């Protein structure tokens, strides 16, 4: 009689577990979509917000090797006009100037220097290789450096041309990297130059993230999965869909818990049914 009762209970719990499993197997997870977004963009497409024009420079889809889950991300770029740029040159740095290499030299003995010198870097190796009468390497003798020209040792200071120099003071301008830069400050160790230029800036955007654009508003960034990026300010429908999906996930989690519990109860009842009786 005891085992019959257990069998009935086990059957009841198994039916409950099977019903829960059937609900999980047949349930369709709700998907989140955006209707009528302000922008629906493909890679390399541009759009304007406020006074700024943006470009979608990349849309990438990656898949997790372990879970197989797909993730989306992208990058938008824009040009920020009239940005103050700066660069620092250390003493003895080599920079590209007028198509050649020049060395930055600051008077290290001056207490408060206000100027610096650019000294042309002489390509000694190129000069030696282009001179058929000279050896391709300098030689050292008695602590001095020479060039072997047809067997005669010529001091390097006499053989190589004297490097050109240009001196600049604070407030002077010069052309550097196709920009007109101003010598902002000079001290014993560094030179600071500044200029005004347009600067390309970028920001990475994630699936279901937020980005603030030039109009001061935040936009929801959404990747529907077809190599496009959607942007919208109206998140009412999106928030409702997210809540619906969370409720679905909670229900599925609850049903999964039910299956686990009823299986544990059924196994426990079976074990109790087969315990030896004292009577």
C-alpha atoms as a PDB file:
ATOM      1  CA  UNK A   1       0.000   0.000   0.000  1.00  0.00           C
ATOM      2  CA  UNK A   2       2.854   2.328   0.889  1.00  0.00           C
ATOM      3  CA  UNK A   3       4.526   1.757  -2.451  1.00  0.00           C
ATOM      4  CA  UNK A   4       1.264   2.298  -4.308  1.00  0.00           C
ATOM      5  CA  UNK A   5       0.876   5.672  -2.681  1.00  0.00           C
ATOM      6  CA  UNK A   6       4.446   6.521  -3.533  1.00  0.00           C
ATOM      7  CA  UNK A   7       3.864   5.466  -7.136  1.00  0.00           C
ATOM      8  CA  UNK A   8       0.859   7.768  -7.367  1.00  0.00           C
ATOM      9  CA  UNK A   9       2.818  10.680  -5.931  1.00  0.00           C
ATOM     10  CA  UNK A  10       5.790  10.015  -8.184  1.00  0.00           C
ATOM     11  CA  UNK A  11       3.502   9.892 -11.215  1.00  0.00           C
ATOM     12  CA  UNK A  12       1.928  13.201 -10.172  1.00  0.00           C
ATOM     13  CA  UNK A  13       5.290  14.918  -9.818  1.00  0.00           C
ATOM     14  CA  UNK A  14       6.567  13.453 -13.089  1.00  0.00           C
ATOM     15  CA  UNK A  15       3.486  14.751 -14.902  1.00  0.00           C
ATOM     16  CA  UNK A  16       4.161  18.164 -13.349  1.00  0.00           C
ATOM     17  CA  UNK A  17       7.789  18.004 -14.508  1.00  0.00           C
ATOM     18  CA  UNK A  18       6.847  16.890 -18.026  1.00  0.00           C
ATOM     19  CA  UNK A  19       4.298  19.697 -18.274  1.00  0.00           C
ATOM     20  CA  UNK A  20       6.913  22.229 -17.197  1.00  0.00           C
ATOM     21  CA  UNK A  21       9.397  20.848 -19.717  1.00  0.00           C
ATOM     22  CA  UNK A  22       6.776  21.018 -22.468  1.00  0.00           C
ATOM     23  CA  UNK A  23       6.144  24.674 -21.677  1.00  0.00           C
ATOM     24  CA  UNK A  24       9.870  25.408 -21.857  1.00  0.00           C
ATOM     25  CA  UNK A  25      10.288  23.478 -25.121  1.00  0.00           C
ATOM     26  CA  UNK A  26       7.386  25.142 -26.895  1.00  0.00           C
ATOM     27  CA  UNK A  27       7.775  28.677 -25.544  1.00  0.00           C
ATOM     28  CA  UNK A  28       9.099  31.281 -27.980  1.00  0.00           C
ATOM     29  CA  UNK A  29      11.478  33.788 -26.506  1.00  0.00           C
ATOM     30  CA  UNK A  30      10.395  37.341 -27.347  1.00  0.00           C
ATOM     31  CA  UNK A  31      12.783  39.301 -29.550  1.00  0.00           C
ATOM     32  CA  UNK A  32      13.557  42.979 -29.172  1.00  0.00           C
ATOM     33  CA  UNK A  33      13.079  45.160 -32.245  1.00  0.00           C
ATOM     34  CA  UNK A  34      13.052  48.880 -32.942  1.00  0.00           C
ATOM     35  CA  UNK A  35      10.301  50.479 -34.959  1.00  0.00           C
ATOM     36  CA  UNK A  36      10.835  53.788 -36.778  1.00  0.00           C
ATOM     37  CA  UNK A  37      14.327  54.626 -35.433  1.00  0.00           C
ATOM     38  CA  UNK A  38      15.658  58.101 -36.200  1.00  0.00           C
ATOM     39  CA  UNK A  39      18.587  56.541 -38.068  1.00  0.00           C
ATOM     40  CA  UNK A  40      19.158  53.168 -39.694  1.00  0.00           C
ATOM     41  CA  UNK A  41      22.702  53.105 -41.012  1.00  0.00           C
ATOM     42  CA  UNK A  42      25.101  50.822 -42.848  1.00  0.00           C
ATOM     43  CA  UNK A  43      28.898  50.821 -42.653  1.00  0.00           C
ATOM     44  CA  UNK A  44      30.505  53.981 -44.149  1.00  0.00           C
ATOM     45  CA  UNK A  45      27.145  55.787 -44.177  1.00  0.00           C
ATOM     46  CA  UNK A  46      26.957  59.333 -42.789  1.00  0.00           C
ATOM     47  CA  UNK A  47      24.298  61.114 -40.737  1.00  0.00           C
ATOM     48  CA  UNK A  48      23.957  64.562 -39.200  1.00  0.00           C
ATOM     49  CA  UNK A  49      22.869  65.560 -35.710  1.00  0.00           C
ATOM     50  CA  UNK A  50      23.013  69.195 -34.627  1.00  0.00           C
ATOM     51  CA  UNK A  51      25.951  70.855 -36.376  1.00  0.00           C
ATOM     52  CA  UNK A  52      28.000  67.675 -36.637  1.00  0.00           C
ATOM     53  CA  UNK A  53      28.226  65.015 -39.346  1.00  0.00           C
ATOM     54  CA  UNK A  54      29.010  61.480 -38.226  1.00  0.00           C
ATOM     55  CA  UNK A  55      30.244  58.470 -40.198  1.00  0.00           C
ATOM     56  CA  UNK A  56      29.677  54.831 -39.259  1.00  0.00           C
ATOM     57  CA  UNK A  57      33.207  53.586 -39.896  1.00  0.00           C
ATOM     58  CA  UNK A  58      32.718  49.990 -38.773  1.00  0.00           C
ATOM     59  CA  UNK A  59      30.089  47.427 -37.826  1.00  0.00           C
ATOM     60  CA  UNK A  60      31.475  44.172 -36.475  1.00  0.00           C
ATOM     61  CA  UNK A  61      29.874  40.901 -35.448  1.00  0.00           C
ATOM     62  CA  UNK A  62      31.801  38.456 -33.278  1.00  0.00           C
ATOM     63  CA  UNK A  63      30.897  35.015 -32.006  1.00  0.00           C
ATOM     64  CA  UNK A  64      32.008  33.519 -28.708  1.00  0.00           C
ATOM     65  CA  UNK A  65      33.881  30.271 -29.415  1.00  0.00           C
ATOM     66  CA  UNK A  66      32.560  28.607 -26.267  1.00  0.00           C
ATOM     67  CA  UNK A  67      28.936  29.770 -26.065  1.00  0.00           C
ATOM     68  CA  UNK A  68      28.317  30.585 -29.726  1.00  0.00           C
ATOM     69  CA  UNK A  69      26.734  33.861 -28.602  1.00  0.00           C
ATOM     70  CA  UNK A  70      26.917  36.678 -31.138  1.00  0.00           C
ATOM     71  CA  UNK A  71      27.829  40.202 -30.123  1.00  0.00           C
ATOM     72  CA  UNK A  72      27.776  43.410 -32.153  1.00  0.00           C
ATOM     73  CA  UNK A  73      29.722  46.626 -31.896  1.00  0.00           C
ATOM     74  CA  UNK A  74      30.543  49.546 -34.145  1.00  0.00           C
ATOM     75  CA  UNK A  75      32.440  52.814 -34.372  1.00  0.00           C
ATOM     76  CA  UNK A  76      31.268  56.271 -35.327  1.00  0.00           C
ATOM     77  CA  UNK A  77      33.632  59.101 -36.253  1.00  0.00           C
ATOM     78  CA  UNK A  78      33.299  62.841 -36.648  1.00  0.00           C
ATOM     79  CA  UNK A  79      35.531  65.844 -37.219  1.00  0.00           C
ATOM     80  CA  UNK A  80      35.923  68.328 -34.394  1.00  0.00           C
ATOM     81  CA  UNK A  81      36.888  71.692 -35.965  1.00  0.00           C
ATOM     82  CA  UNK A  82      39.443  74.181 -34.633  1.00  0.00           C
ATOM     83  CA  UNK A  83      40.931  72.067 -31.882  1.00  0.00           C
ATOM     84  CA  UNK A  84      44.077  73.356 -30.178  1.00  0.00           C
ATOM     85  CA  UNK A  85      46.751  70.715 -30.680  1.00  0.00           C
ATOM     86  CA  UNK A  86      50.169  70.543 -29.050  1.00  0.00           C
ATOM     87  CA  UNK A  87      53.363  68.535 -29.253  1.00  0.00           C
ATOM     88  CA  UNK A  88      56.441  68.392 -27.048  1.00  0.00           C
ATOM     89  CA  UNK A  89      59.982  68.008 -28.364  1.00  0.00           C
ATOM     90  CA  UNK A  90      62.694  66.937 -25.958  1.00  0.00           C
ATOM     91  CA  UNK A  91      66.247  68.171 -26.171  1.00  0.00           C
ATOM     92  CA  UNK A  92      68.107  66.150 -28.863  1.00  0.00           C
ATOM     93  CA  UNK A  93      64.872  64.732 -30.305  1.00  0.00           C
ATOM     94  CA  UNK A  94      64.899  64.187 -34.067  1.00  0.00           C
ATOM     95  CA  UNK A  95      61.893  65.525 -35.966  1.00  0.00           C
ATOM     96  CA  UNK A  96      60.817  65.627 -39.615  1.00  0.00           C
ATOM     97  CA  UNK A  97      61.157  69.182 -40.907  1.00  0.00           C
ATOM     98  CA  UNK A  98      61.206  70.487 -44.484  1.00  0.00           C
ATOM     99  CA  UNK A  99      61.365  66.929 -45.780  1.00  0.00           C
ATOM    100  CA  UNK A 100      64.513  66.023 -43.816  1.00  0.00           C
ATOM    101  CA  UNK A 101      65.503  65.028 -40.307  1.00  0.00           C
ATOM    102  CA  UNK A 102      66.524  67.777 -37.896  1.00  0.00           C
ATOM    103  CA  UNK A 103      67.664  67.579 -34.289  1.00  0.00           C
ATOM    104  CA  UNK A 104      66.162  69.744 -31.556  1.00  0.00           C
ATOM    105  CA  UNK A 105      68.876  71.473 -29.545  1.00  0.00           C
ATOM    106  CA  UNK A 106      68.303  73.611 -26.446  1.00  0.00           C
ATOM    107  CA  UNK A 107      71.092  75.522 -24.709  1.00  0.00           C
ATOM    108  CA  UNK A 108      71.580  73.433 -21.579  1.00  0.00           C
ATOM    109  CA  UNK A 109      73.704  76.138 -19.932  1.00  0.00           C
ATOM    110  CA  UNK A 110      70.972  78.762 -20.072  1.00  0.00           C
ATOM    111  CA  UNK A 111      68.963  79.228 -16.864  1.00  0.00           C
ATOM    112  CA  UNK A 112      65.784  80.288 -18.649  1.00  0.00           C
ATOM    113  CA  UNK A 113      66.086  79.611 -22.388  1.00  0.00           C
ATOM    114  CA  UNK A 114      63.573  81.249 -24.701  1.00  0.00           C
ATOM    115  CA  UNK A 115      64.797  79.804 -27.982  1.00  0.00           C
ATOM    116  CA  UNK A 116      65.997  76.553 -29.518  1.00  0.00           C
ATOM    117  CA  UNK A 117      67.846  75.431 -32.616  1.00  0.00           C
ATOM    118  CA  UNK A 118      66.975  72.910 -35.286  1.00  0.00           C
ATOM    119  CA  UNK A 119      70.125  71.328 -36.669  1.00  0.00           C
ATOM    120  CA  UNK A 120      70.084  69.350 -39.884  1.00  0.00           C
ATOM    121  CA  UNK A 121      70.947  65.669 -39.431  1.00  0.00           C
ATOM    122  CA  UNK A 122      73.636  64.753 -41.969  1.00  0.00           C
ATOM    123  CA  UNK A 123      73.201  61.292 -43.466  1.00  0.00           C
ATOM    124  CA  UNK A 124      76.847  60.323 -43.328  1.00  0.00           C
ATOM    125  CA  UNK A 125      76.287  56.797 -44.585  1.00  0.00           C
ATOM    126  CA  UNK A 126      74.485  57.999 -47.717  1.00  0.00           C
ATOM    127  CA  UNK A 127      77.283  60.482 -48.457  1.00  0.00           C
ATOM    128  CA  UNK A 128      79.944  57.799 -48.075  1.00  0.00           C
ATOM    129  CA  UNK A 129      78.073  55.332 -50.270  1.00  0.00           C
ATOM    130  CA  UNK A 130      77.667  57.961 -53.001  1.00  0.00           C
ATOM    131  CA  UNK A 131      81.394  58.825 -52.998  1.00  0.00           C
ATOM    132  CA  UNK A 132      83.309  56.258 -55.096  1.00  0.00           C
ATOM    133  CA  UNK A 133      86.637  57.512 -53.705  1.00  0.00           C
ATOM    134  CA  UNK A 134      85.705  57.073 -50.043  1.00  0.00           C
ATOM    135  CA  UNK A 135      85.372  53.968 -47.885  1.00  0.00           C
ATOM    136  CA  UNK A 136      81.845  53.191 -46.755  1.00  0.00           C
ATOM    137  CA  UNK A 137      82.803  53.429 -43.087  1.00  0.00           C
ATOM    138  CA  UNK A 138      84.679  55.988 -41.011  1.00  0.00           C
ATOM    139  CA  UNK A 139      87.786  54.938 -39.126  1.00  0.00           C
ATOM    140  CA  UNK A 140      89.120  56.007 -35.751  1.00  0.00           C
ATOM    141  CA  UNK A 141      92.751  56.885 -35.111  1.00  0.00           C
ATOM    142  CA  UNK A 142      94.239  58.393 -31.958  1.00  0.00           C
ATOM    143  CA  UNK A 143      90.768  59.109 -30.625  1.00  0.00           C
ATOM    144  CA  UNK A 144      89.679  61.006 -33.738  1.00  0.00           C
ATOM    145  CA  UNK A 145      87.314  59.978 -36.519  1.00  0.00           C
ATOM    146  CA  UNK A 146      88.419  60.030 -40.176  1.00  0.00           C
ATOM    147  CA  UNK A 147      87.174  59.158 -43.643  1.00  0.00           C
ATOM    148  CA  UNK A 148      89.486  57.103 -45.844  1.00  0.00           C
ATOM    149  CA  UNK A 149      89.537  58.880 -49.217  1.00  0.00           C
ATOM    150  CA  UNK A 150      91.845  57.131 -51.722  1.00  0.00           C
ATOM    151  CA  UNK A 151      94.090  56.028 -48.871  1.00  0.00           C
ATOM    152  CA  UNK A 152      94.226  59.455 -47.244  1.00  0.00           C
ATOM    153  CA  UNK A 153      92.584  59.959 -43.837  1.00  0.00           C
ATOM    154  CA  UNK A 154      90.426  63.092 -43.875  1.00  0.00           C
ATOM    155  CA  UNK A 155      88.920  64.354 -40.575  1.00  0.00           C
ATOM    156  CA  UNK A 156      85.146  63.946 -40.573  1.00  0.00           C
ATOM    157  CA  UNK A 157      84.666  67.658 -39.802  1.00  0.00           C
ATOM    158  CA  UNK A 158      86.463  68.483 -43.071  1.00  0.00           C
ATOM    159  CA  UNK A 159      84.862  65.736 -45.163  1.00  0.00           C
ATOM    160  CA  UNK A 160      81.192  66.060 -44.241  1.00  0.00           C
ATOM    161  CA  UNK A 161      79.320  69.326 -44.899  1.00  0.00           C
ATOM    162  CA  UNK A 162      78.474  71.519 -41.956  1.00  0.00           C
ATOM    163  CA  UNK A 163      74.827  70.921 -40.952  1.00  0.00           C
ATOM    164  CA  UNK A 164      72.377  73.731 -41.546  1.00  0.00           C
ATOM    165  CA  UNK A 165      70.758  75.294 -38.485  1.00  0.00           C
ATOM    166  CA  UNK A 166      67.653  77.355 -37.835  1.00  0.00           C
ATOM    167  CA  UNK A 167      66.877  79.078 -34.559  1.00  0.00           C
ATOM    168  CA  UNK A 168      63.385  79.799 -33.271  1.00  0.00           C
ATOM    169  CA  UNK A 169      62.221  81.792 -30.245  1.00  0.00           C
ATOM    170  CA  UNK A 170      59.028  81.665 -28.228  1.00  0.00           C
ATOM    171  CA  UNK A 171      56.183  83.089 -30.318  1.00  0.00           C
ATOM    172  CA  UNK A 172      57.831  82.212 -33.656  1.00  0.00           C
ATOM    173  CA  UNK A 173      55.997  80.066 -36.201  1.00  0.00           C
ATOM    174  CA  UNK A 174      57.248  77.308 -38.475  1.00  0.00           C
ATOM    175  CA  UNK A 175      55.751  74.781 -40.849  1.00  0.00           C
ATOM    176  CA  UNK A 176      55.672  71.307 -39.320  1.00  0.00           C
ATOM    177  CA  UNK A 177      53.713  68.289 -40.649  1.00  0.00           C
ATOM    178  CA  UNK A 178      51.915  70.594 -43.101  1.00  0.00           C
ATOM    179  CA  UNK A 179      50.682  72.741 -40.216  1.00  0.00           C
ATOM    180  CA  UNK A 180      51.744  76.221 -39.134  1.00  0.00           C
ATOM    181  CA  UNK A 181      52.801  75.698 -35.536  1.00  0.00           C
ATOM    182  CA  UNK A 182      53.693  78.280 -32.903  1.00  0.00           C
ATOM    183  CA  UNK A 183      56.525  77.914 -30.416  1.00  0.00           C
ATOM    184  CA  UNK A 184      54.478  78.145 -27.237  1.00  0.00           C
ATOM    185  CA  UNK A 185      57.235  77.642 -24.670  1.00  0.00           C
ATOM    186  CA  UNK A 186      60.907  76.707 -24.331  1.00  0.00           C
ATOM    187  CA  UNK A 187      62.666  75.508 -21.210  1.00  0.00           C
ATOM    188  CA  UNK A 188      65.889  73.661 -20.488  1.00  0.00           C
ATOM    189  CA  UNK A 189      64.488  70.273 -21.413  1.00  0.00           C
ATOM    190  CA  UNK A 190      61.562  70.651 -23.801  1.00  0.00           C
ATOM    191  CA  UNK A 191      59.991  72.730 -26.548  1.00  0.00           C
ATOM    192  CA  UNK A 192      56.199  73.004 -26.717  1.00  0.00           C
ATOM    193  CA  UNK A 193      54.579  73.855 -30.049  1.00  0.00           C
ATOM    194  CA  UNK A 194      50.858  74.427 -30.611  1.00  0.00           C
ATOM    195  CA  UNK A 195      48.527  74.780 -33.580  1.00  0.00           C
ATOM    196  CA  UNK A 196      44.844  74.842 -34.474  1.00  0.00           C
ATOM    197  CA  UNK A 197      43.496  72.004 -36.624  1.00  0.00           C
ATOM    198  CA  UNK A 198      40.481  69.823 -37.259  1.00  0.00           C
ATOM    199  CA  UNK A 199      40.648  66.613 -35.237  1.00  0.00           C
ATOM    200  CA  UNK A 200      39.000  63.320 -36.134  1.00  0.00           C
ATOM    201  CA  UNK A 201      37.390  61.784 -33.072  1.00  0.00           C
ATOM    202  CA  UNK A 202      35.635  58.455 -32.659  1.00  0.00           C
ATOM    203  CA  UNK A 203      33.473  56.541 -30.219  1.00  0.00           C
ATOM    204  CA  UNK A 204      32.726  52.839 -29.966  1.00  0.00           C
ATOM    205  CA  UNK A 205      29.058  51.908 -29.697  1.00  0.00           C
ATOM    206  CA  UNK A 206      27.691  48.668 -28.291  1.00  0.00           C
ATOM    207  CA  UNK A 207      24.481  46.735 -28.884  1.00  0.00           C
ATOM    208  CA  UNK A 208      21.693  48.203 -26.718  1.00  0.00           C
ATOM    209  CA  UNK A 209      24.040  50.871 -25.390  1.00  0.00           C
ATOM    210  CA  UNK A 210      23.702  54.649 -25.254  1.00  0.00           C
ATOM    211  CA  UNK A 211      25.638  57.407 -27.005  1.00  0.00           C
ATOM    212  CA  UNK A 212      25.384  61.182 -26.616  1.00  0.00           C
ATOM    213  CA  UNK A 213      25.409  63.102 -29.893  1.00  0.00           C
ATOM    214  CA  UNK A 214      25.896  66.756 -30.803  1.00  0.00           C
ATOM    215  CA  UNK A 215      22.325  67.823 -29.975  1.00  0.00           C
ATOM    216  CA  UNK A 216      22.977  66.970 -26.318  1.00  0.00           C
ATOM    217  CA  UNK A 217      20.579  64.014 -26.342  1.00  0.00           C
ATOM    218  CA  UNK A 218      21.327  60.362 -25.678  1.00  0.00           C
ATOM    219  CA  UNK A 219      20.485  57.812 -28.350  1.00  0.00           C
ATOM    220  CA  UNK A 220      19.939  54.085 -27.948  1.00  0.00           C
ATOM    221  CA  UNK A 221      22.336  52.126 -30.180  1.00  0.00           C
ATOM    222  CA  UNK A 222      20.856  48.911 -31.553  1.00  0.00           C
ATOM    223  CA  UNK A 223      22.205  46.310 -33.973  1.00  0.00           C
ATOM    224  CA  UNK A 224      19.343  44.266 -35.484  1.00  0.00           C
ATOM    225  CA  UNK A 225      21.790  41.693 -36.841  1.00  0.00           C
ATOM    226  CA  UNK A 226      21.837  42.619 -40.532  1.00  0.00           C
ATOM    227  CA  UNK A 227      25.012  44.751 -40.581  1.00  0.00           C
ATOM    228  CA  UNK A 228      23.109  47.903 -39.730  1.00  0.00           C
ATOM    229  CA  UNK A 229      23.137  50.294 -36.785  1.00  0.00           C
ATOM    230  CA  UNK A 230      19.925  51.857 -35.484  1.00  0.00           C
ATOM    231  CA  UNK A 231      19.782  54.999 -33.367  1.00  0.00           C
ATOM    232  CA  UNK A 232      16.699  56.255 -31.552  1.00  0.00           C
ATOM    233  CA  UNK A 233      15.753  58.577 -28.701  1.00  0.00           C
ATOM    234  CA  UNK A 234      12.338  56.972 -28.172  1.00  0.00           C
ATOM    235  CA  UNK A 235      13.058  54.078 -25.828  1.00  0.00           C
ATOM    236  CA  UNK A 236       9.472  53.552 -24.607  1.00  0.00           C
ATOM    237  CA  UNK A 237       8.799  50.564 -26.857  1.00  0.00           C
ATOM    238  CA  UNK A 238      12.302  49.218 -26.280  1.00  0.00           C
ATOM    239  CA  UNK A 239      11.951  49.405 -22.479  1.00  0.00           C
ATOM    240  CA  UNK A 240       8.598  47.577 -22.663  1.00  0.00           C
ATOM    241  CA  UNK A 241      10.146  44.815 -24.768  1.00  0.00           C
ATOM    242  CA  UNK A 242      13.083  44.480 -22.385  1.00  0.00           C
ATOM    243  CA  UNK A 243      10.676  44.105 -19.465  1.00  0.00           C
ATOM    244  CA  UNK A 244       8.680  41.481 -21.378  1.00  0.00           C
ATOM    245  CA  UNK A 245      11.861  39.550 -22.129  1.00  0.00           C
ATOM    246  CA  UNK A 246      12.912  39.701 -18.473  1.00  0.00           C
ATOM    247  CA  UNK A 247       9.524  38.346 -17.423  1.00  0.00           C
ATOM    248  CA  UNK A 248       9.882  35.524 -19.955  1.00  0.00           C
ATOM    249  CA  UNK A 249      13.355  34.669 -18.654  1.00  0.00           C
ATOM    250  CA  UNK A 250      12.027  34.669 -15.079  1.00  0.00           C
ATOM    251  CA  UNK A 251       9.197  32.307 -16.040  1.00  0.00           C
ATOM    252  CA  UNK A 252      11.606  29.971 -17.840  1.00  0.00           C
ATOM    253  CA  UNK A 253      13.910  30.035 -14.822  1.00  0.00           C
ATOM    254  CA  UNK A 254      10.960  29.220 -12.569  1.00  0.00           C
ATOM    255  CA  UNK A 255       9.838  26.303 -14.746  1.00  0.00           C
ATOM    256  CA  UNK A 256      13.389  24.957 -14.792  1.00  0.00           C
ATOM    257  CA  UNK A 257      13.424  25.103 -10.995  1.00  0.00           C
ATOM    258  CA  UNK A 258      10.130  23.232 -10.910  1.00  0.00           C
ATOM    259  CA  UNK A 259      11.578  20.434 -13.059  1.00  0.00           C
ATOM    260  CA  UNK A 260      14.612  20.105 -10.802  1.00  0.00           C
ATOM    261  CA  UNK A 261      12.510  20.106  -7.617  1.00  0.00           C
ATOM    262  CA  UNK A 262       9.946  17.549  -8.812  1.00  0.00           C
ATOM    263  CA  UNK A 263      12.704  15.231  -9.984  1.00  0.00           C
ATOM    264  CA  UNK A 264      14.408  15.462  -6.601  1.00  0.00           C
ATOM    265  CA  UNK A 265      11.097  14.819  -4.822  1.00  0.00           C
ATOM    266  CA  UNK A 266      10.301  11.852  -7.064  1.00  0.00           C
ATOM    267  CA  UNK A 267      13.732  10.314  -6.502  1.00  0.00           C
ATOM    268  CA  UNK A 268      13.432  10.864  -2.739  1.00  0.00           C
ATOM    269  CA  UNK A 269       9.967   9.218  -2.638  1.00  0.00           C
ATOM    270  CA  UNK A 270      11.237   6.210  -4.547  1.00  0.00           C
ATOM    271  CA  UNK A 271      14.162   5.868  -2.152  1.00  0.00           C
ATOM    272  CA  UNK A 272      11.865   6.110   0.883  1.00  0.00           C
ATOM    273  CA  UNK A 273       9.477   3.550  -0.605  1.00  0.00           C
ATOM    274  CA  UNK A 274      12.195   0.957  -0.790  1.00  0.00           C
ATOM    275  CA  UNK A 275      13.553   1.501   2.713  1.00  0.00           C
ATOM    276  CA  UNK A 276      13.252  -1.719   4.761  1.00  0.00           C
ATOM    277  CA  UNK A 277      10.345  -1.732   7.220  1.00  0.00           C
ATOM    278  CA  UNK A 278      10.846  -2.468  10.888  1.00  0.00           C
ATOM    279  CA  UNK A 279       7.512  -4.254  11.120  1.00  0.00           C
END
